[in-house]
Protein backbone atom coordinates (compact mmCIF):
# COMPACT_ATOMS: atom_id res chain seq x y z
CA MET A 1 121.45 81.38 160.06
CA ARG A 2 124.22 80.82 157.37
CA CYS A 3 124.16 78.84 154.24
CA PRO A 4 124.63 74.87 154.49
CA ILE A 5 127.83 74.32 153.19
CA ILE A 6 127.57 71.39 150.39
CA VAL A 7 130.00 68.97 148.46
CA THR A 8 129.09 66.43 146.04
CA LEU A 9 130.88 63.18 145.92
CA GLY A 10 130.83 59.96 143.86
CA HIS A 11 132.12 57.40 141.43
CA ILE A 12 133.94 59.05 138.44
CA ASP A 13 131.90 59.96 135.48
CA HIS A 14 128.60 59.54 137.54
CA GLY A 15 128.14 63.20 136.80
CA LYS A 16 128.97 65.07 139.92
CA THR A 17 130.54 68.34 137.70
CA THR A 18 127.62 68.05 135.45
CA LEU A 19 125.11 68.54 138.37
CA LEU A 20 127.34 71.42 139.56
CA ASP A 21 127.23 72.80 136.29
CA ARG A 22 123.65 72.47 135.95
CA ILE A 23 122.58 73.89 139.17
CA ARG A 24 124.95 76.99 138.08
CA LYS A 25 123.56 77.17 134.98
CA THR A 26 119.91 77.38 135.74
CA THR A 27 120.63 80.19 138.23
CA ILE A 28 122.59 82.11 136.01
CA ALA A 29 119.83 81.59 133.24
CA LEU A 30 117.13 83.05 135.78
CA LYS A 31 118.97 86.65 134.91
CA GLU A 32 118.13 87.49 138.36
CA PRO A 33 120.58 90.10 139.43
CA GLY A 34 123.05 88.50 141.76
CA ALA A 35 121.27 85.20 140.90
CA ILE A 36 124.64 83.30 141.88
CA THR A 37 128.00 84.32 143.36
CA GLN A 38 130.68 82.07 142.00
CA SER A 39 133.23 82.92 144.86
CA VAL A 40 136.52 81.30 145.19
CA GLY A 41 136.02 77.56 145.53
CA ALA A 42 132.59 78.03 146.06
CA SER A 43 128.99 78.88 144.48
CA GLU A 44 126.43 80.93 146.31
CA VAL A 45 122.98 80.63 145.61
CA PRO A 46 120.55 82.74 147.54
CA ILE A 47 117.55 81.55 148.72
CA GLU A 48 115.45 83.74 146.50
CA ILE A 49 116.28 81.72 143.64
CA ILE A 50 115.97 78.37 145.32
CA LYS A 51 112.43 79.54 145.83
CA LYS A 52 112.01 79.69 142.33
CA LEU A 53 113.75 76.69 141.21
CA CYS A 54 111.97 74.69 143.59
CA ALA A 55 108.37 76.47 143.00
CA PRO A 56 107.25 73.42 140.66
CA VAL A 57 107.59 70.98 143.53
CA SER A 58 105.13 73.30 145.89
CA LYS A 59 102.03 71.14 144.62
CA TYR A 60 103.42 68.04 146.00
CA PHE A 61 104.83 68.83 149.21
CA LYS A 62 105.64 72.08 150.93
CA VAL A 63 109.30 73.46 152.08
CA GLU A 64 109.56 76.38 154.13
CA PHE A 65 112.85 78.43 153.68
CA ASN A 66 114.69 80.17 156.40
CA ILE A 67 118.09 79.54 155.20
CA PRO A 68 119.99 82.52 153.38
CA GLY A 69 120.92 80.24 150.41
CA LEU A 70 123.46 77.33 149.70
CA LEU A 71 126.91 77.42 149.25
CA PHE A 72 128.12 74.66 146.92
CA ILE A 73 131.62 73.54 146.78
CA ASP A 74 132.80 73.84 142.93
CA THR A 75 135.51 70.96 143.46
CA PRO A 76 133.74 67.85 143.61
CA GLY A 77 135.44 64.63 145.09
CA HIS A 78 137.33 63.82 147.94
CA GLU A 79 139.82 65.94 147.90
CA SER A 80 137.50 69.33 148.47
CA PHE A 81 135.56 67.39 150.65
CA THR A 82 138.58 66.23 153.00
CA ASN A 83 140.12 69.65 153.20
CA LEU A 84 136.71 71.37 154.34
CA ARG A 85 137.96 70.18 157.77
CA ARG A 86 137.97 71.40 161.05
CA ARG A 87 139.32 69.33 164.25
CA GLY A 88 137.28 65.84 164.33
CA GLY A 89 135.55 66.38 161.25
CA SER A 90 134.47 68.30 158.16
CA ILE A 91 132.77 71.46 157.86
CA ALA A 92 130.85 70.41 155.23
CA ASP A 93 126.83 70.24 156.24
CA LEU A 94 125.44 68.04 153.91
CA SER A 95 126.70 65.74 151.08
CA ILE A 96 125.34 65.09 147.69
CA LEU A 97 126.49 61.39 146.93
CA VAL A 98 125.98 61.34 143.05
CA VAL A 99 125.15 57.76 141.80
CA ASP A 100 124.51 56.72 137.92
CA ILE A 101 120.97 55.21 138.37
CA SER A 102 121.94 52.18 136.18
CA GLN A 103 125.58 51.29 137.23
CA GLY A 104 124.68 51.76 141.11
CA ILE A 105 127.38 51.76 143.43
CA GLN A 106 130.84 51.20 142.08
CA LYS A 107 133.95 51.16 143.93
CA GLN A 108 134.77 54.72 144.43
CA THR A 109 131.22 55.22 145.32
CA GLU A 110 132.08 52.70 148.51
CA GLU A 111 134.88 54.68 149.04
CA CYS A 112 132.67 58.09 149.46
CA ILE A 113 130.25 56.34 151.61
CA GLU A 114 132.91 55.13 154.15
CA ILE A 115 134.09 58.80 154.36
CA LEU A 116 130.52 60.31 155.00
CA ARG A 117 130.50 57.75 157.61
CA GLU A 118 133.91 58.51 159.13
CA TYR A 119 133.20 62.57 159.05
CA LYS A 120 129.58 61.67 160.26
CA THR A 121 128.05 63.56 157.40
CA PRO A 122 124.78 63.54 156.60
CA PHE A 123 123.74 62.92 152.91
CA VAL A 124 121.41 62.27 150.16
CA VAL A 125 121.65 60.34 147.02
CA ALA A 126 121.11 61.97 143.60
CA ALA A 127 120.22 59.09 141.26
CA ASN A 128 121.65 60.83 138.12
CA LYS A 129 121.21 59.86 134.73
CA ILE A 130 117.54 59.14 134.48
CA ASP A 131 117.03 60.69 131.11
CA LEU A 132 119.19 57.58 129.60
CA ILE A 133 116.71 54.66 130.82
CA THR A 134 115.24 53.23 127.68
CA GLY A 135 112.42 55.39 126.60
CA TRP A 136 112.52 58.23 128.79
CA LYS A 137 110.57 61.32 127.29
CA LYS A 138 112.80 64.10 128.41
CA GLN A 139 111.22 67.04 129.98
CA GLU A 140 113.75 69.63 130.23
CA GLY A 141 113.91 71.35 133.67
CA GLU A 142 111.04 69.69 135.00
CA CYS A 143 110.25 68.64 138.60
CA PHE A 144 110.82 64.69 138.88
CA LEU A 145 107.40 63.82 140.01
CA LYS A 146 105.93 65.90 137.24
CA SER A 147 108.30 64.44 134.36
CA PHE A 148 107.84 60.98 135.98
CA SER A 149 103.99 61.17 135.86
CA MET A 150 104.46 61.66 132.14
CA GLN A 151 106.66 58.38 131.16
CA ALA A 152 104.87 54.88 130.05
CA PRO A 153 104.44 52.47 132.85
CA THR A 154 107.13 50.32 131.31
CA VAL A 155 109.67 53.29 131.44
CA GLN A 156 108.17 53.98 135.38
CA ASN A 157 108.95 50.08 136.31
CA ALA A 158 112.13 50.29 134.77
CA LEU A 159 113.17 53.46 137.15
CA GLU A 160 111.79 51.73 140.16
CA GLU A 161 113.52 48.50 139.85
CA LYS A 162 116.58 50.66 139.46
CA ILE A 163 115.73 52.51 142.77
CA TYR A 164 115.00 49.38 144.56
CA SER A 165 118.42 47.91 143.66
CA LEU A 166 120.23 51.06 144.76
CA ILE A 167 118.04 50.78 148.17
CA GLY A 168 119.44 47.30 148.51
CA ASP A 169 122.97 48.36 148.04
CA LEU A 170 123.05 50.92 150.35
CA SER A 171 121.25 48.81 152.88
CA ARG A 172 124.28 46.72 152.84
CA TYR A 173 126.48 49.70 154.16
CA GLY A 174 124.07 49.76 156.88
CA PHE A 175 121.74 52.97 155.71
CA GLU A 176 118.30 52.95 155.06
CA ALA A 177 117.07 54.56 151.97
CA GLU A 178 113.95 55.13 149.95
CA ARG A 179 112.59 57.26 147.09
CA PHE A 180 112.60 60.70 148.59
CA ASP A 181 108.85 61.32 148.42
CA ARG A 182 108.23 57.89 150.62
CA VAL A 183 110.50 58.93 153.17
CA LYS A 184 108.82 59.45 156.72
CA ASP A 185 111.63 60.66 158.86
CA PHE A 186 114.95 61.99 157.15
CA THR A 187 117.03 61.65 160.21
CA ARG A 188 116.68 57.62 159.79
CA THR A 189 116.17 57.14 156.15
CA VAL A 190 118.43 58.29 153.37
CA ALA A 191 116.66 60.20 150.50
CA ILE A 192 117.18 58.97 147.12
CA VAL A 193 116.29 62.02 144.31
CA PRO A 194 116.29 60.64 140.93
CA VAL A 195 117.65 63.60 138.64
CA SER A 196 119.12 64.03 135.62
CA ALA A 197 122.01 66.63 135.41
CA LYS A 198 122.07 66.95 131.97
CA THR A 199 118.09 67.81 131.42
CA GLY A 200 117.71 69.33 134.80
CA GLU A 201 114.79 67.00 135.83
CA GLY A 202 114.64 66.34 139.55
CA ILE A 203 116.83 69.40 140.19
CA PRO A 204 114.00 71.27 142.08
CA GLU A 205 113.36 68.40 144.13
CA LEU A 206 117.07 67.91 145.04
CA LEU A 207 117.18 71.57 146.09
CA SER A 208 114.15 71.37 147.85
CA ILE A 209 115.31 68.06 150.23
CA ILE A 210 118.88 69.69 150.62
CA SER A 211 117.18 72.82 152.10
CA GLY A 212 114.49 71.16 153.84
CA ILE A 213 117.43 68.93 155.72
CA ALA A 214 119.63 71.77 156.34
CA GLN A 215 117.30 73.79 158.23
CA LYS A 216 114.97 71.45 159.99
CA TYR A 217 117.87 68.88 161.38
CA LEU A 218 120.97 71.04 161.13
CA SER A 219 119.61 74.45 162.11
CA SER A 220 121.92 74.46 165.63
CA SER A 221 125.27 73.97 163.44
CA LEU A 222 124.11 76.62 160.96
CA LYS A 223 123.88 79.24 163.60
CA SER A 224 126.92 81.84 162.80
CA GLU A 225 127.84 84.12 165.46
CA ALA A 226 128.80 87.88 164.45
CA GLY A 227 132.57 87.06 165.65
CA PRO A 228 136.03 86.36 164.63
CA GLY A 229 136.29 84.00 161.54
CA LYS A 230 137.09 80.54 161.18
CA GLY A 231 137.55 78.70 158.06
CA SER A 232 139.41 75.88 156.19
CA ILE A 233 142.13 76.56 153.62
CA LEU A 234 140.67 74.52 150.39
CA GLU A 235 143.96 75.77 148.30
CA ALA A 236 147.39 77.55 148.96
CA LYS A 237 149.22 78.69 145.64
CA PHE A 238 151.06 81.58 144.28
CA GLU A 239 149.41 83.93 141.84
CA LYS A 240 151.22 86.37 139.67
CA GLY A 241 150.32 89.88 140.37
CA LEU A 242 148.99 88.85 144.11
CA GLY A 243 151.99 86.88 145.60
CA TYR A 244 150.87 83.74 147.53
CA THR A 245 147.05 83.47 148.58
CA ILE A 246 145.15 81.11 150.21
CA ASP A 247 141.30 80.10 148.98
CA VAL A 248 139.52 79.47 152.03
CA ILE A 249 136.04 78.23 153.28
CA LEU A 250 134.58 80.84 156.12
CA TYR A 251 132.27 78.34 158.03
CA ASP A 252 131.78 80.61 161.44
CA GLY A 253 131.89 84.37 162.07
CA GLU A 254 133.31 87.20 160.10
CA ILE A 255 136.98 88.22 158.55
CA LYS A 256 138.37 91.70 157.83
CA VAL A 257 140.85 93.19 155.97
CA GLY A 258 143.73 93.91 158.75
CA ASP A 259 142.52 90.89 160.88
CA LEU A 260 145.32 89.12 162.29
CA ILE A 261 144.99 85.35 161.28
CA VAL A 262 146.41 82.32 162.75
CA PHE A 263 146.86 79.44 160.12
CA GLY A 264 148.77 75.69 159.97
CA THR A 265 152.00 75.06 158.18
CA ARG A 266 154.07 71.51 157.96
CA ASN A 267 155.99 73.22 161.14
CA GLY A 268 153.26 73.85 163.20
CA ALA A 269 151.20 77.47 163.31
CA SER A 270 151.97 80.71 161.74
CA PHE A 271 150.02 83.92 161.72
CA THR A 272 149.89 87.33 159.20
CA LYS A 273 147.64 90.18 158.83
CA VAL A 274 144.82 89.85 155.84
CA ARG A 275 146.22 92.27 153.20
CA GLY A 276 143.06 91.96 150.94
CA ILE A 277 140.38 89.55 150.51
CA LEU A 278 138.89 88.74 146.92
CA LYS A 279 135.78 87.49 145.87
CA LYS A 280 135.07 86.03 142.52
CA ARG A 281 131.77 87.22 141.02
CA ILE A 282 131.08 84.84 138.17
CA ASN A 283 133.90 85.83 135.71
CA LYS A 284 135.98 88.40 137.78
CA PHE A 285 137.43 88.76 141.14
CA GLU A 286 136.08 91.92 143.65
CA TYR A 287 137.88 93.41 146.46
CA VAL A 288 135.79 93.42 149.47
CA ASN A 289 136.42 94.73 152.94
CA SER A 290 134.84 91.67 154.79
CA SER A 291 133.01 88.73 154.51
CA ALA A 292 131.01 86.69 156.42
CA ALA A 293 129.92 82.82 156.94
CA ALA A 294 129.46 80.75 154.75
CA SER A 295 131.53 82.17 151.94
CA GLY A 296 134.16 81.22 149.80
CA ILE A 297 137.18 83.62 149.18
CA LYS A 298 140.62 84.51 148.53
CA ILE A 299 142.76 85.88 151.33
CA LEU A 300 146.19 87.94 150.45
CA ALA A 301 148.64 88.47 153.24
CA ASP A 302 152.74 88.02 153.42
CA GLY A 303 153.92 85.05 154.88
CA LEU A 304 151.42 82.35 153.24
CA GLU A 305 154.05 80.52 151.50
CA ASN A 306 153.90 77.77 153.84
CA ALA A 307 150.36 77.66 154.39
CA LEU A 308 148.86 74.14 154.77
CA PRO A 309 145.98 73.15 152.67
CA GLY A 310 143.53 71.52 154.60
CA SER A 311 144.51 73.51 157.57
CA GLU A 312 142.20 75.60 159.83
CA VAL A 313 142.72 79.33 159.72
CA PHE A 314 141.21 81.71 162.36
CA VAL A 315 140.98 85.25 162.88
CA ALA A 316 142.52 86.03 166.33
CA ARG A 317 141.34 89.55 168.32
CA ASN A 318 144.41 89.59 170.56
CA GLU A 319 147.78 88.54 171.52
CA SER A 320 146.82 86.02 174.14
CA GLU A 321 144.22 84.83 171.33
CA LYS A 322 146.90 84.31 168.63
CA GLU A 323 149.14 82.09 171.22
CA GLU A 324 146.00 80.07 172.06
CA LEU A 325 145.06 79.40 168.59
CA ALA A 326 148.53 78.82 167.43
CA LYS A 327 148.78 76.04 170.27
CA LYS A 328 145.72 74.56 169.14
CA ILE A 329 146.86 74.27 165.60
CA SER A 330 150.31 73.13 166.02
CA GLN A 331 149.20 70.38 168.34
CA GLU A 332 146.48 69.29 165.94
CA ILE A 333 149.31 68.89 162.84
CA SER A 334 151.44 67.20 165.01
CA GLU A 335 148.71 64.59 165.61
CA ILE A 336 147.92 64.29 161.78
CA LEU A 337 151.87 64.78 160.49
CA PHE A 338 154.13 62.37 162.31
CA GLU A 339 157.01 60.26 161.98
CA LYS A 340 158.08 57.28 164.42
CA ASP A 341 160.88 55.23 164.80
CA GLU A 342 158.72 51.98 163.97
CA ILE A 343 158.06 49.85 160.94
CA GLY A 344 155.14 51.07 158.66
CA VAL A 345 154.58 52.67 155.42
CA ILE A 346 155.56 55.94 154.06
CA LEU A 347 152.61 58.16 153.36
CA LYS A 348 152.96 61.52 151.26
CA CYS A 349 149.82 63.41 150.38
CA ASP A 350 148.88 66.95 148.64
CA THR A 351 147.27 68.30 151.77
CA LEU A 352 146.38 68.04 155.48
CA GLY A 353 142.86 66.48 155.04
CA SER A 354 143.77 63.97 152.43
CA VAL A 355 146.50 62.65 155.29
CA GLU A 356 143.77 62.89 157.68
CA ALA A 357 140.85 60.77 155.48
CA ILE A 358 143.70 58.24 154.30
CA LEU A 359 145.61 57.57 157.84
CA LYS A 360 141.76 56.89 159.11
CA LEU A 361 141.43 54.33 156.14
CA LEU A 362 144.70 52.97 156.71
CA LYS A 363 143.65 52.38 160.57
CA LYS A 364 140.58 50.39 159.32
CA GLU A 365 142.76 48.30 157.23
CA ASN A 366 145.26 47.68 159.73
CA ILE A 367 147.98 49.01 157.96
CA LEU A 368 150.97 50.47 159.93
CA VAL A 369 152.06 54.14 159.20
CA ARG A 370 155.57 55.33 160.18
CA LYS A 371 155.44 58.57 158.30
CA ALA A 372 152.76 60.86 157.31
CA ASP A 373 153.78 63.90 155.29
CA VAL A 374 152.71 66.39 153.16
CA GLY A 375 154.41 66.96 150.02
CA GLN A 376 156.33 65.47 147.21
CA VAL A 377 158.17 62.30 147.51
CA THR A 378 161.92 62.84 147.67
CA LYS A 379 165.05 61.06 147.70
CA ASN A 380 165.02 60.89 151.46
CA ASP A 381 161.54 59.34 151.58
CA VAL A 382 162.94 56.60 149.32
CA MET A 383 165.72 55.92 151.61
CA GLU A 384 163.97 55.58 154.54
CA ALA A 385 161.63 52.97 152.89
CA LEU A 386 164.55 51.12 152.18
CA SER A 387 165.56 51.20 155.81
CA ILE A 388 162.06 49.66 156.16
CA LYS A 389 162.19 47.05 153.63
CA GLU A 390 165.57 45.48 155.06
CA LYS A 391 163.57 44.66 158.55
CA ASP A 392 159.88 44.22 156.78
CA ARG A 393 159.33 43.67 153.03
CA TYR A 394 155.70 44.48 153.33
CA HIS A 395 156.03 48.13 154.53
CA GLY A 396 158.99 49.38 152.91
CA VAL A 397 156.80 51.09 150.58
CA ILE A 398 155.65 54.68 149.42
CA LEU A 399 152.05 55.61 149.20
CA SER A 400 151.55 58.61 147.48
CA PHE A 401 148.70 60.42 147.04
CA ASN A 402 147.87 63.50 144.46
CA VAL A 403 151.63 64.70 144.75
CA ASN A 404 154.58 64.58 142.45
CA ILE A 405 157.72 62.54 142.85
CA THR A 406 161.34 64.14 142.37
CA GLU A 407 163.48 62.87 139.54
CA ASP A 408 165.90 61.80 142.32
CA ALA A 409 163.37 59.91 143.97
CA MET A 410 162.38 58.15 140.76
CA LYS A 411 166.05 57.00 139.76
CA GLU A 412 166.88 55.91 143.66
CA ALA A 413 163.56 53.87 143.80
CA GLU A 414 164.66 52.37 140.51
CA GLN A 415 167.80 51.27 141.97
CA LYS A 416 167.33 50.44 145.19
CA LYS A 417 163.55 48.56 143.83
CA ILE A 418 161.43 50.51 146.33
CA ARG A 419 158.12 50.57 145.22
CA ILE A 420 156.11 53.87 144.97
CA ILE A 421 152.26 53.48 144.71
CA ASN A 422 151.19 57.07 143.20
CA THR A 423 147.57 58.11 142.77
CA ASN A 424 145.08 60.45 143.14
CA VAL A 425 142.01 58.07 143.55
CA ILE A 426 142.10 56.96 147.56
CA TYR A 427 140.71 53.36 147.09
CA SER A 428 142.85 52.80 144.34
CA LEU A 429 145.93 53.59 146.56
CA ILE A 430 145.06 51.23 149.38
CA GLU A 431 144.04 48.44 146.58
CA GLN A 432 147.41 48.80 145.01
CA TYR A 433 149.05 48.39 148.53
CA ARG A 434 147.18 45.33 148.93
CA ALA A 435 148.12 43.87 145.53
CA PHE A 436 151.91 45.07 146.53
CA VAL A 437 151.72 42.65 149.80
CA GLU A 438 149.88 39.82 148.01
CA GLU A 439 152.76 40.29 145.45
CA GLU A 440 155.44 40.40 148.03
CA LYS A 441 153.79 37.26 149.71
CA LYS A 442 154.32 35.18 146.67
CA ILE A 443 157.99 36.59 146.40
CA ALA A 444 158.72 35.71 149.50
CA GLU A 445 157.29 31.98 149.44
CA GLU A 446 159.07 31.66 146.35
CA GLU A 447 162.24 32.62 147.82
CA ALA A 448 161.65 30.64 150.53
CA LEU A 449 161.07 27.68 148.52
CA GLN A 450 164.14 28.03 147.01
CA ARG A 451 166.26 26.97 149.83
CA PHE A 452 164.97 23.40 149.04
CA VAL A 453 165.87 20.97 146.48
CA LEU A 454 162.97 21.13 144.38
CA PRO A 455 161.73 18.31 142.04
CA GLY A 456 162.79 17.80 138.60
CA LYS A 457 162.68 14.72 135.95
CA ILE A 458 164.83 14.98 132.75
CA ARG A 459 165.42 12.86 130.22
CA VAL A 460 168.96 12.45 128.07
CA LEU A 461 168.58 13.71 124.78
CA PRO A 462 169.78 11.05 122.26
CA GLY A 463 172.68 12.13 119.69
CA CYS A 464 173.64 15.38 122.43
CA CYS A 465 176.82 13.93 124.37
CA PHE A 466 179.38 16.62 123.78
CA ARG A 467 181.81 15.31 126.59
CA ILE A 468 182.11 12.00 127.72
CA SER A 469 182.98 12.54 131.22
CA LYS A 470 185.20 14.86 133.55
CA PRO A 471 182.58 16.47 133.71
CA LEU A 472 180.25 14.68 131.42
CA ILE A 473 178.22 17.21 128.96
CA CYS A 474 175.12 16.29 127.48
CA GLY A 475 171.74 17.59 126.05
CA VAL A 476 168.68 17.00 128.22
CA GLU A 477 165.16 18.13 128.09
CA VAL A 478 163.34 19.12 131.47
CA LEU A 479 160.40 16.65 131.85
CA ILE A 480 158.67 18.28 134.69
CA GLY A 481 159.52 20.43 137.48
CA LYS A 482 163.02 22.43 137.59
CA ILE A 483 166.57 21.90 137.79
CA LYS A 484 169.59 23.85 139.41
CA PRO A 485 173.49 24.03 139.16
CA ASP A 486 174.41 22.19 142.53
CA TYR A 487 171.30 19.54 142.19
CA GLN A 488 172.14 16.22 142.93
CA LEU A 489 171.09 13.63 140.08
CA ILE A 490 169.93 9.96 140.48
CA ASP A 491 168.42 7.17 138.02
CA GLU A 492 165.61 5.49 138.28
CA ASN A 493 166.91 2.89 140.57
CA GLY A 494 167.95 5.71 143.23
CA ASN A 495 171.71 5.40 142.14
CA ILE A 496 173.48 9.00 142.60
CA ILE A 497 175.02 9.88 138.94
CA GLY A 498 176.66 12.96 140.22
CA ARG A 499 175.81 16.93 140.76
CA ILE A 500 174.75 19.25 138.37
CA LYS A 501 177.63 21.93 137.72
CA SER A 502 176.56 24.07 135.19
CA ILE A 503 173.55 24.38 132.73
CA GLN A 504 173.32 26.36 129.19
CA SER A 505 171.39 27.46 126.40
CA GLU A 506 172.66 29.08 123.32
CA LYS A 507 176.18 29.35 125.25
CA LYS A 508 174.51 31.27 127.88
CA SER A 509 174.77 30.00 131.72
CA LEU A 510 171.46 29.56 133.54
CA ASP A 511 170.63 29.80 137.00
CA ILE A 512 167.46 27.62 136.36
CA ALA A 513 165.62 25.24 133.73
CA LYS A 514 161.99 24.47 133.51
CA ALA A 515 159.43 22.02 132.28
CA GLY A 516 159.83 22.05 128.54
CA ASP A 517 163.42 23.63 128.17
CA LYS A 518 166.33 21.86 126.33
CA VAL A 519 169.63 22.75 127.56
CA ALA A 520 173.14 21.19 128.00
CA ILE A 521 174.03 20.27 131.45
CA SER A 522 177.51 19.52 132.93
CA ILE A 523 177.46 16.56 135.50
CA ASP A 524 180.94 16.32 137.74
CA GLU A 525 180.76 12.40 138.00
CA GLY A 526 178.88 11.51 134.87
CA VAL A 527 180.58 8.82 132.49
CA PHE A 528 178.39 8.76 129.24
CA LYS A 529 177.47 4.97 128.43
CA LYS A 530 178.85 3.89 131.98
CA ASN A 531 175.75 5.65 134.32
CA VAL A 532 174.75 8.18 131.67
CA PHE A 533 172.51 7.00 128.80
CA GLU A 534 170.84 8.23 125.67
CA ASP A 535 167.04 8.70 126.70
CA GLN A 536 167.74 7.58 130.18
CA ILE A 537 165.59 9.31 132.91
CA LEU A 538 167.17 11.01 135.51
CA TYR A 539 165.89 12.54 138.72
CA ASN A 540 166.72 15.41 141.19
CA PHE A 541 167.78 13.78 144.49
CA ILE A 542 165.79 15.46 147.11
CA PRO A 543 166.87 14.90 150.94
CA LYS A 544 164.39 13.01 153.23
CA LYS A 545 163.82 16.38 155.15
CA ASP A 546 163.06 18.62 152.28
CA ILE A 547 160.57 16.17 150.91
CA GLU A 548 158.72 16.40 154.09
CA ILE A 549 158.77 20.37 154.00
CA LEU A 550 157.68 20.50 150.59
CA LEU A 551 154.76 18.34 150.98
CA GLU A 552 153.69 20.24 154.40
CA LYS A 553 154.09 23.43 153.80
CA TYR A 554 154.89 24.16 150.27
CA LYS A 555 151.99 21.64 148.66
CA ASP A 556 150.15 25.14 147.59
CA GLN A 557 153.38 26.34 145.68
CA LEU A 558 153.58 23.58 143.75
CA SER A 559 151.58 22.02 140.86
CA GLY A 560 149.81 18.92 140.73
CA ALA A 561 152.72 17.18 138.45
CA GLU A 562 155.18 18.43 140.65
CA ILE A 563 153.56 16.77 144.14
CA ASP A 564 153.36 13.47 141.94
CA LEU A 565 156.96 13.37 140.97
CA ILE A 566 158.18 14.25 144.71
CA ASN A 567 156.03 10.98 145.82
CA GLU A 568 157.90 9.30 142.83
CA ILE A 569 161.12 10.42 143.90
CA LYS A 570 160.61 9.52 147.27
CA ARG A 571 159.69 5.89 146.25
CA ILE A 572 162.75 5.62 144.54
CA THR A 573 165.34 7.34 147.30
CA ARG A 574 163.75 4.70 149.82
CA ARG A 575 165.54 1.84 147.97
CA ILE A 576 168.97 3.66 148.80
């Protein structure tokens, strides 16, 4: 059996990295030879060390160990999880969902749960920060059950209440959950392990539960064949002195120096021969001739400059196998990275895994996608979004996840008024897009509203007649609603006074004046002291058809005072 591959997920600041650091530091502190191998992108903890760490819980429950160890992915969060991919799923065998026991499930936790559900990945909840519960007496490095027994009854009750609250939260997402020592069937119930990443309390139980679940329920998927290696590219980068390299999590088989490997690029499959394999042991890299699953390695080879993070990488034993694997990878990439001649948003991400994960979430939200690609946002993306916006304002937008935006693209987007939603948090990307759509709906409604004559009521200010006629120019105060150039004005008897030619304030022309504004207006047919008088109340003339549409379709867009004013104008115009 190979090591189970484990990824930590959870809301920001809930302690994912601290938990990993604690596990690493605890194993290193044992000062055993080879206690931990901090490989590229992963930390391998051998079973002998797991047994020692889990020894304190043996008096409470028994765990028999037959796995070679545990492989923790060092980069916690969505990015590493979605990049640990193989066709149709994730190579992560188990996940630790880290939740602050006092804060419970937050926005990002919800997203993690959705991703775990989507990839059908079993998970254990690490209810972190128990040391911050009021009155908690810290027991450095102790197992939870012993530490819990040493707490005051009030503290125990406080923790139990938080656990029950978490159980309730998880049930809303369709998961049955319980504190780990009360779980009867781990295939049906999510285990909650109270821990403190800071003091190490609960870590023995967490490692015991993970090991137990892995070997009891995942044994068939942990069987690694002694055949050609299969892995997932976690990261691709240029390194001084080494050239282009790929960090790979090997989940099956073996890879050796000299092997022919097939991997993905944006344009389909590519292949090269392995020139070197590196492993990082604590603080230094070591060259190795081969590596077997499960492990984290750095591969050196020519032609890796276009390697796609999130792509699978396979060892090919011969030419026909190479062609077969290349076809498989190319087909998979074409299904994830695409461009259609349809209405939809443009999605740009850092890795293949991110694109795949976000596409799944966008599909659930019924958000159409025109283009899904890896790489920075360019001017071409902006121009494409503009062409979409001209047909559909709600999809003429770029969603960019964890990527740069070129200077040209920024300038073009600003000039063409194209929204680029850029973030490194998936839920925020979708949340911001929803907010953008709502914003656009309001703008569309306002624009539609502008096609009709809106209600307006003004008072002619005394001592502010600047021109008697042809046109009359006078000062007015807008009492309710709005006035605009080209609106006709009527008096309280329904007599048409004339049309507003222009509106000015402090020698500047205005397109609109709103309630509370004091402005100067010119009226083409107005004549002072003939049909316009000081302190006179005037109204916008609203055609009958406009009145009906405003009251029927746009009532929500109008204030109560504006609706009352429409009805007042309706009564006045009946007299005409």
